[in-house]
All heavy atoms as atom14 arrays in JSON, in Angstrom:
{
  "sequence": "NEEGLERYAHLSQAGFANNKYVLLQTALAQYHA",
  "atom14_mask": [
    [1, 1, 1, 1, 1, 1, 1, 1, 0, 0, 0, 0, 0, 0],
    [1, 1, 1, 1, 1, 1, 1, 1, 1, 0, 0, 0, 0, 0],
    [1, 1, 1, 1, 1, 1, 1, 1, 1, 0, 0, 0, 0, 0],
    [1, 1, 1, 1, 0, 0, 0, 0, 0, 0, 0, 0, 0, 0],
    [1, 1, 1, 1, 1, 1, 1, 1, 0, 0, 0, 0, 0, 0],
    [1, 1, 1, 1, 1, 1, 1, 1, 1, 0, 0, 0, 0, 0],
    [1, 1, 1, 1, 1, 1, 1, 1, 1, 1, 1, 0, 0, 0],
    [1, 1, 1, 1, 1, 1, 1, 1, 1, 1, 1, 1, 0, 0],
    [1, 1, 1, 1, 1, 0, 0, 0, 0, 0, 0, 0, 0, 0],
    [1, 1, 1, 1, 1, 1, 1, 1, 1, 1, 0, 0, 0, 0],
    [1, 1, 1, 1, 1, 1, 1, 1, 0, 0, 0, 0, 0, 0],
    [1, 1, 1, 1, 1, 1, 0, 0, 0, 0, 0, 0, 0, 0],
    [1, 1, 1, 1, 1, 1, 1, 1, 1, 0, 0, 0, 0, 0],
    [1, 1, 1, 1, 1, 0, 0, 0, 0, 0, 0, 0, 0, 0],
    [1, 1, 1, 1, 0, 0, 0, 0, 0, 0, 0, 0, 0, 0],
    [1, 1, 1, 1, 1, 1, 1, 1, 1, 1, 1, 0, 0, 0],
    [1, 1, 1, 1, 1, 0, 0, 0, 0, 0, 0, 0, 0, 0],
    [1, 1, 1, 1, 1, 1, 1, 1, 0, 0, 0, 0, 0, 0],
    [1, 1, 1, 1, 1, 1, 1, 1, 0, 0, 0, 0, 0, 0],
    [1, 1, 1, 1, 1, 1, 1, 1, 1, 0, 0, 0, 0, 0],
    [1, 1, 1, 1, 1, 1, 1, 1, 1, 1, 1, 1, 0, 0],
    [1, 1, 1, 1, 1, 1, 1, 0, 0, 0, 0, 0, 0, 0],
    [1, 1, 1, 1, 1, 1, 1, 1, 0, 0, 0, 0, 0, 0],
    [1, 1, 1, 1, 1, 1, 1, 1, 0, 0, 0, 0, 0, 0],
    [1, 1, 1, 1, 1, 1, 1, 1, 1, 0, 0, 0, 0, 0],
    [1, 1, 1, 1, 1, 1, 1, 0, 0, 0, 0, 0, 0, 0],
    [1, 1, 1, 1, 1, 0, 0, 0, 0, 0, 0, 0, 0, 0],
    [1, 1, 1, 1, 1, 1, 1, 1, 0, 0, 0, 0, 0, 0],
    [1, 1, 1, 1, 1, 0, 0, 0, 0, 0, 0, 0, 0, 0],
    [1, 1, 1, 1, 1, 1, 1, 1, 1, 0, 0, 0, 0, 0],
    [1, 1, 1, 1, 1, 1, 1, 1, 1, 1, 1, 1, 0, 0],
    [1, 1, 1, 1, 1, 1, 1, 1, 1, 1, 0, 0, 0, 0],
    [1, 1, 1, 1, 1, 0, 0, 0, 0, 0, 0, 0, 0, 0]
  ],
  "atom14_positions": [
    [[-150.94, 54.47, -46.27], [-151.81, 54.31, -47.45], [-153.26, 54.73, -47.12], [-153.92, 55.46, -47.94], [-151.82, 52.87, -47.91], [-150.93, 52.59, -49.02], [-150.9, 53.43, -49.97], [-150.17, 51.65, -49.0], [0.0, 0.0, 0.0], [0.0, 0.0, 0.0], [0.0, 0.0, 0.0], [0.0, 0.0, 0.0], [0.0, 0.0, 0.0], [0.0, 0.0, 0.0]],
    [[-153.72, 54.44, -45.9], [-155.14, 54.85, -45.64], [-155.26, 56.39, -45.57], [-156.27, 56.82, -46.05], [-155.48, 54.25, -44.23], [-155.51, 52.72, -44.25], [-156.01, 52.19, -42.82], [-156.17, 53.05, -41.94], [-156.05, 50.95, -42.67], [0.0, 0.0, 0.0], [0.0, 0.0, 0.0], [0.0, 0.0, 0.0], [0.0, 0.0, 0.0], [0.0, 0.0, 0.0]],
    [[-154.27, 57.05, -45.02], [-154.33, 58.5, -45.01], [-154.27, 59.06, -46.47], [-155.0, 59.95, -46.82], [-153.19, 59.1, -44.2], [-153.19, 60.61, -44.06], [-152.0, 61.14, -43.26], [-151.31, 60.26, -42.59], [-151.8, 62.34, -43.22], [0.0, 0.0, 0.0], [0.0, 0.0, 0.0], [0.0, 0.0, 0.0], [0.0, 0.0, 0.0], [0.0, 0.0, 0.0]],
    [[-153.41, 58.48, -47.26], [-153.33, 58.91, -48.64], [-154.62, 58.7, -49.37], [-155.11, 59.61, -50.13], [0.0, 0.0, 0.0], [0.0, 0.0, 0.0], [0.0, 0.0, 0.0], [0.0, 0.0, 0.0], [0.0, 0.0, 0.0], [0.0, 0.0, 0.0], [0.0, 0.0, 0.0], [0.0, 0.0, 0.0], [0.0, 0.0, 0.0], [0.0, 0.0, 0.0]],
    [[-155.31, 57.58, -49.15], [-156.55, 57.31, -49.82], [-157.67, 58.26, -49.38], [-158.47, 58.79, -50.14], [-157.01, 55.84, -49.51], [-156.31, 54.78, -50.23], [-156.64, 53.44, -49.61], [-156.57, 54.79, -51.72], [0.0, 0.0, 0.0], [0.0, 0.0, 0.0], [0.0, 0.0, 0.0], [0.0, 0.0, 0.0], [0.0, 0.0, 0.0], [0.0, 0.0, 0.0]],
    [[-157.5, 58.63, -48.09], [-158.56, 59.61, -47.5], [-158.36, 61.03, -48.09], [-159.35, 61.61, -48.51], [-158.4, 59.7, -45.96], [-159.35, 60.54, -45.32], [-159.13, 60.67, -43.81], [-158.35, 59.84, -43.26], [-159.72, 61.59, -43.17], [0.0, 0.0, 0.0], [0.0, 0.0, 0.0], [0.0, 0.0, 0.0], [0.0, 0.0, 0.0], [0.0, 0.0, 0.0]],
    [[-157.11, 61.38, -48.35], [-156.81, 62.68, -48.96], [-157.26, 62.74, -50.43], [-157.87, 63.68, -50.82], [-155.4, 63.06, -48.82], [-154.94, 63.33, -47.4], [-153.46, 63.58, -47.3], [-153.12, 63.99, -45.92], [-153.14, 65.23, -45.4], [-153.44, 66.25, -46.22], [-152.74, 65.46, -44.17], [0.0, 0.0, 0.0], [0.0, 0.0, 0.0], [0.0, 0.0, 0.0]],
    [[-157.03, 61.63, -51.11], [-157.55, 61.58, -52.52], [-159.01, 61.61, -52.6], [-159.58, 62.14, -53.54], [-156.86, 60.4, -53.28], [-155.47, 60.64, -53.59], [-154.43, 59.73, -53.16], [-155.03, 61.74, -54.3], [-153.11, 59.93, -53.42], [-153.7, 61.94, -54.6], [-152.72, 61.04, -54.18], [-151.41, 61.17, -54.42], [0.0, 0.0, 0.0], [0.0, 0.0, 0.0]],
    [[-159.7, 61.01, -51.63], [-161.07, 60.98, -51.65], [-161.61, 62.41, -51.43], [-162.52, 62.88, -52.11], [-161.66, 60.1, -50.48], [0.0, 0.0, 0.0], [0.0, 0.0, 0.0], [0.0, 0.0, 0.0], [0.0, 0.0, 0.0], [0.0, 0.0, 0.0], [0.0, 0.0, 0.0], [0.0, 0.0, 0.0], [0.0, 0.0, 0.0], [0.0, 0.0, 0.0]],
    [[-160.94, 63.23, -50.59], [-161.28, 64.65, -50.35], [-161.07, 65.44, -51.64], [-161.9, 66.32, -51.95], [-160.45, 65.26, -49.27], [-160.94, 64.92, -47.87], [-162.16, 65.22, -47.43], [-160.33, 64.31, -46.86], [-162.36, 64.73, -46.16], [-161.19, 64.21, -45.83], [0.0, 0.0, 0.0], [0.0, 0.0, 0.0], [0.0, 0.0, 0.0], [0.0, 0.0, 0.0]],
    [[-160.03, 65.18, -52.3], [-159.79, 65.82, -53.66], [-160.83, 65.51, -54.61], [-161.26, 66.37, -55.37], [-158.46, 65.43, -54.24], [-157.19, 66.2, -53.68], [-155.89, 65.55, -54.12], [-157.17, 67.6, -53.98], [0.0, 0.0, 0.0], [0.0, 0.0, 0.0], [0.0, 0.0, 0.0], [0.0, 0.0, 0.0], [0.0, 0.0, 0.0], [0.0, 0.0, 0.0]],
    [[-161.32, 64.28, -54.74], [-162.39, 63.94, -55.54], [-163.67, 64.65, -55.36], [-164.35, 65.14, -56.22], [-162.61, 62.39, -55.48], [-161.5, 61.69, -55.94], [0.0, 0.0, 0.0], [0.0, 0.0, 0.0], [0.0, 0.0, 0.0], [0.0, 0.0, 0.0], [0.0, 0.0, 0.0], [0.0, 0.0, 0.0], [0.0, 0.0, 0.0], [0.0, 0.0, 0.0]],
    [[-163.95, 64.81, -53.99], [-165.15, 65.59, -53.61], [-165.06, 67.06, -53.85], [-166.0, 67.69, -54.06], [-165.43, 65.29, -52.13], [-165.76, 63.8, -51.83], [-165.71, 63.55, -50.32], [-165.53, 64.55, -49.5], [-165.86, 62.31, -49.92], [0.0, 0.0, 0.0], [0.0, 0.0, 0.0], [0.0, 0.0, 0.0], [0.0, 0.0, 0.0], [0.0, 0.0, 0.0]],
    [[-163.88, 67.59, -53.97], [-163.6, 68.97, -54.1], [-163.65, 69.38, -55.61], [-163.63, 70.56, -55.88], [-162.24, 69.36, -53.56], [0.0, 0.0, 0.0], [0.0, 0.0, 0.0], [0.0, 0.0, 0.0], [0.0, 0.0, 0.0], [0.0, 0.0, 0.0], [0.0, 0.0, 0.0], [0.0, 0.0, 0.0], [0.0, 0.0, 0.0], [0.0, 0.0, 0.0]],
    [[-163.8, 68.46, -56.48], [-163.93, 68.7, -57.93], [-163.05, 68.02, -58.86], [-163.03, 68.38, -59.97], [0.0, 0.0, 0.0], [0.0, 0.0, 0.0], [0.0, 0.0, 0.0], [0.0, 0.0, 0.0], [0.0, 0.0, 0.0], [0.0, 0.0, 0.0], [0.0, 0.0, 0.0], [0.0, 0.0, 0.0], [0.0, 0.0, 0.0], [0.0, 0.0, 0.0]],
    [[-162.24, 67.12, -58.34], [-161.26, 66.44, -59.12], [-161.55, 64.94, -59.29], [-160.71, 64.1, -59.44], [-159.78, 66.52, -58.5], [-159.33, 67.98, -58.46], [-159.47, 68.72, -57.36], [-158.72, 68.54, -59.57], [-159.02, 70.1, -57.29], [-158.21, 69.76, -59.47], [-158.39, 70.56, -58.35], [0.0, 0.0, 0.0], [0.0, 0.0, 0.0], [0.0, 0.0, 0.0]],
    [[-162.83, 64.64, -59.2], [-163.32, 63.24, -59.29], [-162.84, 62.51, -60.54], [-162.5, 61.31, -60.48], [-164.86, 63.13, -59.16], [0.0, 0.0, 0.0], [0.0, 0.0, 0.0], [0.0, 0.0, 0.0], [0.0, 0.0, 0.0], [0.0, 0.0, 0.0], [0.0, 0.0, 0.0], [0.0, 0.0, 0.0], [0.0, 0.0, 0.0], [0.0, 0.0, 0.0]],
    [[-162.81, 63.24, -61.64], [-162.4, 62.62, -62.95], [-160.99, 62.9, -63.39], [-160.69, 62.7, -64.55], [-163.42, 63.06, -64.01], [-164.86, 62.47, -63.74], [-164.99, 61.42, -63.33], [-165.79, 63.34, -64.01], [0.0, 0.0, 0.0], [0.0, 0.0, 0.0], [0.0, 0.0, 0.0], [0.0, 0.0, 0.0], [0.0, 0.0, 0.0], [0.0, 0.0, 0.0]],
    [[-160.24, 63.43, -62.5], [-158.83, 63.83, -62.82], [-157.99, 62.46, -62.87], [-157.99, 61.71, -61.93], [-158.22, 64.8, -61.74], [-156.81, 65.08, -62.06], [-155.93, 64.62, -61.43], [-156.53, 65.76, -63.15], [0.0, 0.0, 0.0], [0.0, 0.0, 0.0], [0.0, 0.0, 0.0], [0.0, 0.0, 0.0], [0.0, 0.0, 0.0], [0.0, 0.0, 0.0]],
    [[-157.28, 62.37, -63.93], [-156.48, 61.21, -64.21], [-155.44, 60.96, -63.13], [-155.18, 59.9, -62.7], [-155.78, 61.21, -65.58], [-155.2, 59.93, -65.97], [-154.44, 59.95, -67.27], [-153.02, 60.44, -67.03], [-152.14, 60.33, -68.27], [0.0, 0.0, 0.0], [0.0, 0.0, 0.0], [0.0, 0.0, 0.0], [0.0, 0.0, 0.0], [0.0, 0.0, 0.0]],
    [[-154.75, 62.11, -62.72], [-153.78, 61.99, -61.68], [-154.28, 61.41, -60.38], [-153.69, 60.5, -59.77], [-153.07, 63.3, -61.47], [-152.02, 63.33, -60.34], [-150.71, 62.79, -60.6], [-152.32, 63.81, -59.09], [-149.79, 62.76, -59.55], [-151.5, 63.63, -58.05], [-150.2, 63.16, -58.35], [-149.21, 63.12, -57.3], [0.0, 0.0, 0.0], [0.0, 0.0, 0.0]],
    [[-155.45, 61.95, -59.92], [-156.07, 61.5, -58.7], [-156.41, 60.04, -58.86], [-156.18, 59.27, -57.9], [-157.22, 62.43, -58.34], [-157.97, 61.86, -57.18], [-156.76, 63.89, -58.07], [0.0, 0.0, 0.0], [0.0, 0.0, 0.0], [0.0, 0.0, 0.0], [0.0, 0.0, 0.0], [0.0, 0.0, 0.0], [0.0, 0.0, 0.0], [0.0, 0.0, 0.0]],
    [[-157.02, 59.69, -59.94], [-157.37, 58.29, -60.09], [-156.13, 57.34, -60.04], [-156.16, 56.29, -59.43], [-158.09, 58.14, -61.48], [-159.5, 58.62, -61.51], [-160.03, 58.6, -62.95], [-160.44, 57.92, -60.53], [0.0, 0.0, 0.0], [0.0, 0.0, 0.0], [0.0, 0.0, 0.0], [0.0, 0.0, 0.0], [0.0, 0.0, 0.0], [0.0, 0.0, 0.0]],
    [[-155.1, 57.69, -60.76], [-153.9, 56.98, -60.79], [-153.24, 56.86, -59.44], [-152.81, 55.73, -59.02], [-152.83, 57.53, -61.8], [-153.05, 57.21, -63.23], [-152.02, 57.98, -64.1], [-152.92, 55.76, -63.61], [0.0, 0.0, 0.0], [0.0, 0.0, 0.0], [0.0, 0.0, 0.0], [0.0, 0.0, 0.0], [0.0, 0.0, 0.0], [0.0, 0.0, 0.0]],
    [[-153.15, 57.99, -58.65], [-152.57, 57.83, -57.35], [-153.37, 57.01, -56.38], [-152.88, 56.26, -55.55], [-152.34, 59.31, -56.78], [-151.39, 60.14, -57.51], [-150.01, 59.47, -57.49], [-149.51, 59.05, -56.5], [-149.43, 59.38, -58.72], [0.0, 0.0, 0.0], [0.0, 0.0, 0.0], [0.0, 0.0, 0.0], [0.0, 0.0, 0.0], [0.0, 0.0, 0.0]],
    [[-154.72, 57.09, -56.55], [-155.58, 56.24, -55.74], [-155.38, 54.74, -56.12], [-155.34, 53.89, -55.24], [-157.05, 56.53, -55.96], [-157.24, 57.95, -55.71], [-157.99, 55.77, -55.03], [0.0, 0.0, 0.0], [0.0, 0.0, 0.0], [0.0, 0.0, 0.0], [0.0, 0.0, 0.0], [0.0, 0.0, 0.0], [0.0, 0.0, 0.0], [0.0, 0.0, 0.0]],
    [[-155.21, 54.5, -57.43], [-154.91, 53.12, -57.96], [-153.56, 52.62, -57.29], [-153.5, 51.45, -56.87], [-154.89, 52.96, -59.32], [0.0, 0.0, 0.0], [0.0, 0.0, 0.0], [0.0, 0.0, 0.0], [0.0, 0.0, 0.0], [0.0, 0.0, 0.0], [0.0, 0.0, 0.0], [0.0, 0.0, 0.0], [0.0, 0.0, 0.0], [0.0, 0.0, 0.0]],
    [[-152.56, 53.44, -57.32], [-151.27, 53.14, -56.79], [-151.27, 52.81, -55.24], [-150.72, 51.85, -54.77], [-150.21, 54.2, -57.05], [-149.86, 54.42, -58.42], [-148.92, 55.59, -58.64], [-149.16, 53.15, -59.08], [0.0, 0.0, 0.0], [0.0, 0.0, 0.0], [0.0, 0.0, 0.0], [0.0, 0.0, 0.0], [0.0, 0.0, 0.0], [0.0, 0.0, 0.0]],
    [[-152.14, 53.63, -54.53], [-152.29, 53.42, -53.07], [-152.94, 52.1, -52.84], [-152.59, 51.3, -51.93], [-153.14, 54.55, -52.49], [0.0, 0.0, 0.0], [0.0, 0.0, 0.0], [0.0, 0.0, 0.0], [0.0, 0.0, 0.0], [0.0, 0.0, 0.0], [0.0, 0.0, 0.0], [0.0, 0.0, 0.0], [0.0, 0.0, 0.0], [0.0, 0.0, 0.0]],
    [[-153.99, 51.73, -53.69], [-154.58, 50.49, -53.54], [-153.71, 49.26, -53.87], [-153.73, 48.18, -53.23], [-155.88, 50.37, -54.44], [-156.93, 51.44, -54.16], [-157.8, 51.1, -52.96], [-157.47, 50.16, -52.11], [-158.96, 51.81, -52.83], [0.0, 0.0, 0.0], [0.0, 0.0, 0.0], [0.0, 0.0, 0.0], [0.0, 0.0, 0.0], [0.0, 0.0, 0.0]],
    [[-152.82, 49.47, -54.83], [-151.82, 48.51, -55.3], [-150.88, 48.25, -54.14], [-150.58, 47.04, -53.84], [-151.09, 49.04, -56.5], [-149.86, 48.2, -56.91], [-149.91, 46.95, -57.37], [-148.64, 48.74, -56.68], [-148.83, 46.23, -57.67], [-147.43, 48.03, -56.99], [-147.51, 46.74, -57.45], [-146.41, 46.06, -57.78], [0.0, 0.0, 0.0], [0.0, 0.0, 0.0]],
    [[-150.36, 49.28, -53.48], [-149.36, 49.08, -52.4], [-150.08, 48.45, -51.18], [-149.51, 47.82, -50.4], [-148.74, 50.36, -52.1], [-147.76, 50.81, -53.07], [-146.61, 50.12, -53.45], [-147.75, 51.92, -53.91], [-145.97, 50.72, -54.4], [-146.59, 51.8, -54.68], [0.0, 0.0, 0.0], [0.0, 0.0, 0.0], [0.0, 0.0, 0.0], [0.0, 0.0, 0.0]],
    [[-151.41, 48.67, -51.08], [-152.18, 48.04, -49.99], [-152.66, 46.62, -50.37], [-153.28, 45.96, -49.61], [-153.39, 48.87, -49.64], [0.0, 0.0, 0.0], [0.0, 0.0, 0.0], [0.0, 0.0, 0.0], [0.0, 0.0, 0.0], [0.0, 0.0, 0.0], [0.0, 0.0, 0.0], [0.0, 0.0, 0.0], [0.0, 0.0, 0.0], [0.0, 0.0, 0.0]]
  ]
}
C-alpha cells in the first residue's frame, strides 16, 4: 500500500491531482491500510 500511495502521489504532482481515478485509487489504498 505504501508504494502504491507513493506512486499516486507522483501522478498527482505530474498533473493528475484532480483526476477522479487517481483520487479513488488513493482512497482505496487508504481503505485497505
